[in-house]
N, C-alpha and C. Protein backbone atom coordinates (compact mmCIF):
# COMPACT_ATOMS: atom_id res chain seq x y z
N UNK A 1 -111.91 53.25 -31.39
CA UNK A 1 -112.75 52.60 -32.38
C UNK A 1 -113.00 51.14 -32.02
N UNK A 2 -112.05 50.49 -31.36
CA UNK A 2 -112.25 49.10 -30.96
C UNK A 2 -113.48 48.96 -30.07
N UNK A 3 -113.66 49.91 -29.15
CA UNK A 3 -114.82 49.88 -28.26
C UNK A 3 -116.12 49.98 -29.06
N UNK A 4 -116.16 50.90 -29.99
CA UNK A 4 -117.36 51.08 -30.82
C UNK A 4 -117.65 49.81 -31.62
N UNK A 5 -116.63 49.19 -32.15
CA UNK A 5 -116.79 47.97 -32.93
C UNK A 5 -117.39 46.85 -32.09
N UNK A 6 -116.98 46.76 -30.83
CA UNK A 6 -117.48 45.69 -29.96
C UNK A 6 -118.92 45.88 -29.54
N UNK A 7 -119.38 47.13 -29.39
CA UNK A 7 -120.72 47.35 -28.83
C UNK A 7 -121.77 47.76 -29.86
N UNK A 8 -121.36 48.01 -31.10
CA UNK A 8 -122.30 48.54 -32.09
C UNK A 8 -122.46 47.61 -33.29
N UNK A 9 -123.72 47.46 -33.71
CA UNK A 9 -123.99 46.75 -34.95
C UNK A 9 -123.87 47.68 -36.15
N UNK A 10 -124.22 48.93 -35.92
CA UNK A 10 -124.24 49.92 -37.00
C UNK A 10 -123.77 51.25 -36.43
N UNK A 11 -122.99 52.00 -37.20
CA UNK A 11 -122.55 53.33 -36.77
C UNK A 11 -122.86 54.35 -37.86
N UNK A 12 -123.01 55.58 -37.43
CA UNK A 12 -123.21 56.70 -38.34
C UNK A 12 -122.12 57.72 -38.01
N UNK A 13 -121.44 58.21 -39.03
CA UNK A 13 -120.37 59.20 -38.84
C UNK A 13 -120.86 60.52 -39.40
N UNK A 14 -120.74 61.55 -38.56
CA UNK A 14 -121.20 62.89 -38.94
C UNK A 14 -120.01 63.83 -38.92
N UNK A 15 -119.89 64.64 -39.95
CA UNK A 15 -118.84 65.64 -40.05
C UNK A 15 -119.49 66.99 -40.28
N UNK A 16 -119.34 67.89 -39.32
CA UNK A 16 -119.95 69.22 -39.41
C UNK A 16 -121.44 69.15 -39.72
N UNK A 17 -122.14 68.23 -39.06
CA UNK A 17 -123.58 68.12 -39.20
C UNK A 17 -124.06 67.36 -40.43
N UNK A 18 -123.16 66.81 -41.21
CA UNK A 18 -123.52 66.08 -42.43
C UNK A 18 -123.09 64.62 -42.27
N UNK A 19 -124.02 63.71 -42.54
CA UNK A 19 -123.69 62.30 -42.47
C UNK A 19 -122.77 61.94 -43.63
N UNK A 20 -121.59 61.39 -43.29
CA UNK A 20 -120.62 61.05 -44.33
C UNK A 20 -120.45 59.55 -44.49
N UNK A 21 -120.92 58.77 -43.51
CA UNK A 21 -120.81 57.31 -43.62
C UNK A 21 -121.80 56.66 -42.68
N UNK A 22 -122.23 55.45 -43.07
CA UNK A 22 -123.16 54.67 -42.25
C UNK A 22 -122.97 53.20 -42.59
N UNK A 23 -122.98 52.37 -41.58
CA UNK A 23 -122.86 50.93 -41.81
C UNK A 23 -122.16 50.24 -40.66
N UNK A 24 -121.61 49.05 -40.93
CA UNK A 24 -120.87 48.32 -39.91
C UNK A 24 -119.60 49.10 -39.58
N UNK A 25 -119.20 49.02 -38.32
CA UNK A 25 -118.04 49.80 -37.86
C UNK A 25 -116.80 49.51 -38.69
N UNK A 26 -116.56 48.23 -39.04
CA UNK A 26 -115.38 47.88 -39.82
C UNK A 26 -115.39 48.55 -41.19
N UNK A 27 -116.58 48.61 -41.80
CA UNK A 27 -116.70 49.23 -43.13
C UNK A 27 -116.50 50.73 -43.04
N UNK A 28 -117.12 51.34 -42.05
CA UNK A 28 -117.05 52.79 -41.89
C UNK A 28 -115.62 53.22 -41.57
N UNK A 29 -114.93 52.43 -40.76
CA UNK A 29 -113.57 52.76 -40.37
C UNK A 29 -112.63 52.82 -41.57
N UNK A 30 -112.89 52.04 -42.59
CA UNK A 30 -112.01 52.04 -43.76
C UNK A 30 -112.43 53.04 -44.84
N UNK A 31 -113.49 53.78 -44.60
CA UNK A 31 -113.97 54.76 -45.58
C UNK A 31 -113.02 55.96 -45.62
N UNK A 32 -112.52 56.32 -46.80
CA UNK A 32 -111.59 57.46 -46.92
C UNK A 32 -112.17 58.78 -46.42
N UNK A 33 -113.48 58.98 -46.58
CA UNK A 33 -114.09 60.23 -46.09
C UNK A 33 -113.99 60.33 -44.57
N UNK A 34 -114.15 59.20 -43.89
CA UNK A 34 -114.06 59.18 -42.44
C UNK A 34 -112.62 59.46 -42.01
N UNK A 35 -111.67 58.85 -42.69
CA UNK A 35 -110.25 59.09 -42.37
C UNK A 35 -109.90 60.56 -42.54
N UNK A 36 -110.34 61.16 -43.64
CA UNK A 36 -110.05 62.59 -43.87
C UNK A 36 -110.70 63.45 -42.80
N UNK A 37 -111.93 63.15 -42.43
CA UNK A 37 -112.65 63.97 -41.47
C UNK A 37 -112.05 63.89 -40.07
N UNK A 38 -111.61 62.71 -39.68
CA UNK A 38 -111.17 62.53 -38.31
C UNK A 38 -109.66 62.46 -38.13
N UNK A 39 -108.93 62.18 -39.19
CA UNK A 39 -107.47 62.13 -39.09
C UNK A 39 -106.80 63.25 -39.85
N UNK A 40 -107.51 63.87 -40.76
CA UNK A 40 -106.91 64.89 -41.60
C UNK A 40 -106.36 64.27 -42.87
N UNK A 41 -106.15 65.06 -43.87
CA UNK A 41 -105.72 64.57 -45.18
C UNK A 41 -104.36 63.88 -45.12
N UNK A 42 -103.37 64.53 -44.52
CA UNK A 42 -102.03 63.97 -44.49
C UNK A 42 -101.97 62.67 -43.68
N UNK A 43 -102.60 62.66 -42.49
CA UNK A 43 -102.60 61.46 -41.66
C UNK A 43 -103.35 60.35 -42.32
N UNK A 44 -104.43 60.64 -43.01
CA UNK A 44 -105.21 59.61 -43.70
C UNK A 44 -104.38 58.93 -44.77
N UNK A 45 -103.61 59.70 -45.50
CA UNK A 45 -102.72 59.12 -46.53
C UNK A 45 -101.66 58.24 -45.89
N UNK A 46 -101.11 58.69 -44.76
CA UNK A 46 -100.10 57.90 -44.06
C UNK A 46 -100.69 56.58 -43.57
N UNK A 47 -101.90 56.60 -43.05
CA UNK A 47 -102.55 55.39 -42.54
C UNK A 47 -102.80 54.39 -43.67
N UNK A 48 -103.10 54.87 -44.87
CA UNK A 48 -103.35 53.97 -45.99
C UNK A 48 -102.05 53.31 -46.45
N UNK A 49 -100.92 53.95 -46.22
CA UNK A 49 -99.63 53.41 -46.66
C UNK A 49 -99.05 52.38 -45.69
N UNK A 50 -99.70 52.18 -44.55
CA UNK A 50 -99.19 51.19 -43.58
C UNK A 50 -99.48 49.78 -44.00
């Protein structure tokens, strides 16, 4: 994600063909839908507790 943040002004996240987030990389990275889609429910909860 660090690489994407450095080279992109805007990102779009797609999960199973459906756009679930769009915006600045920092904003999208903190979106709970993105965490669930790419980390899974349990890992997403763990990441929020850090």
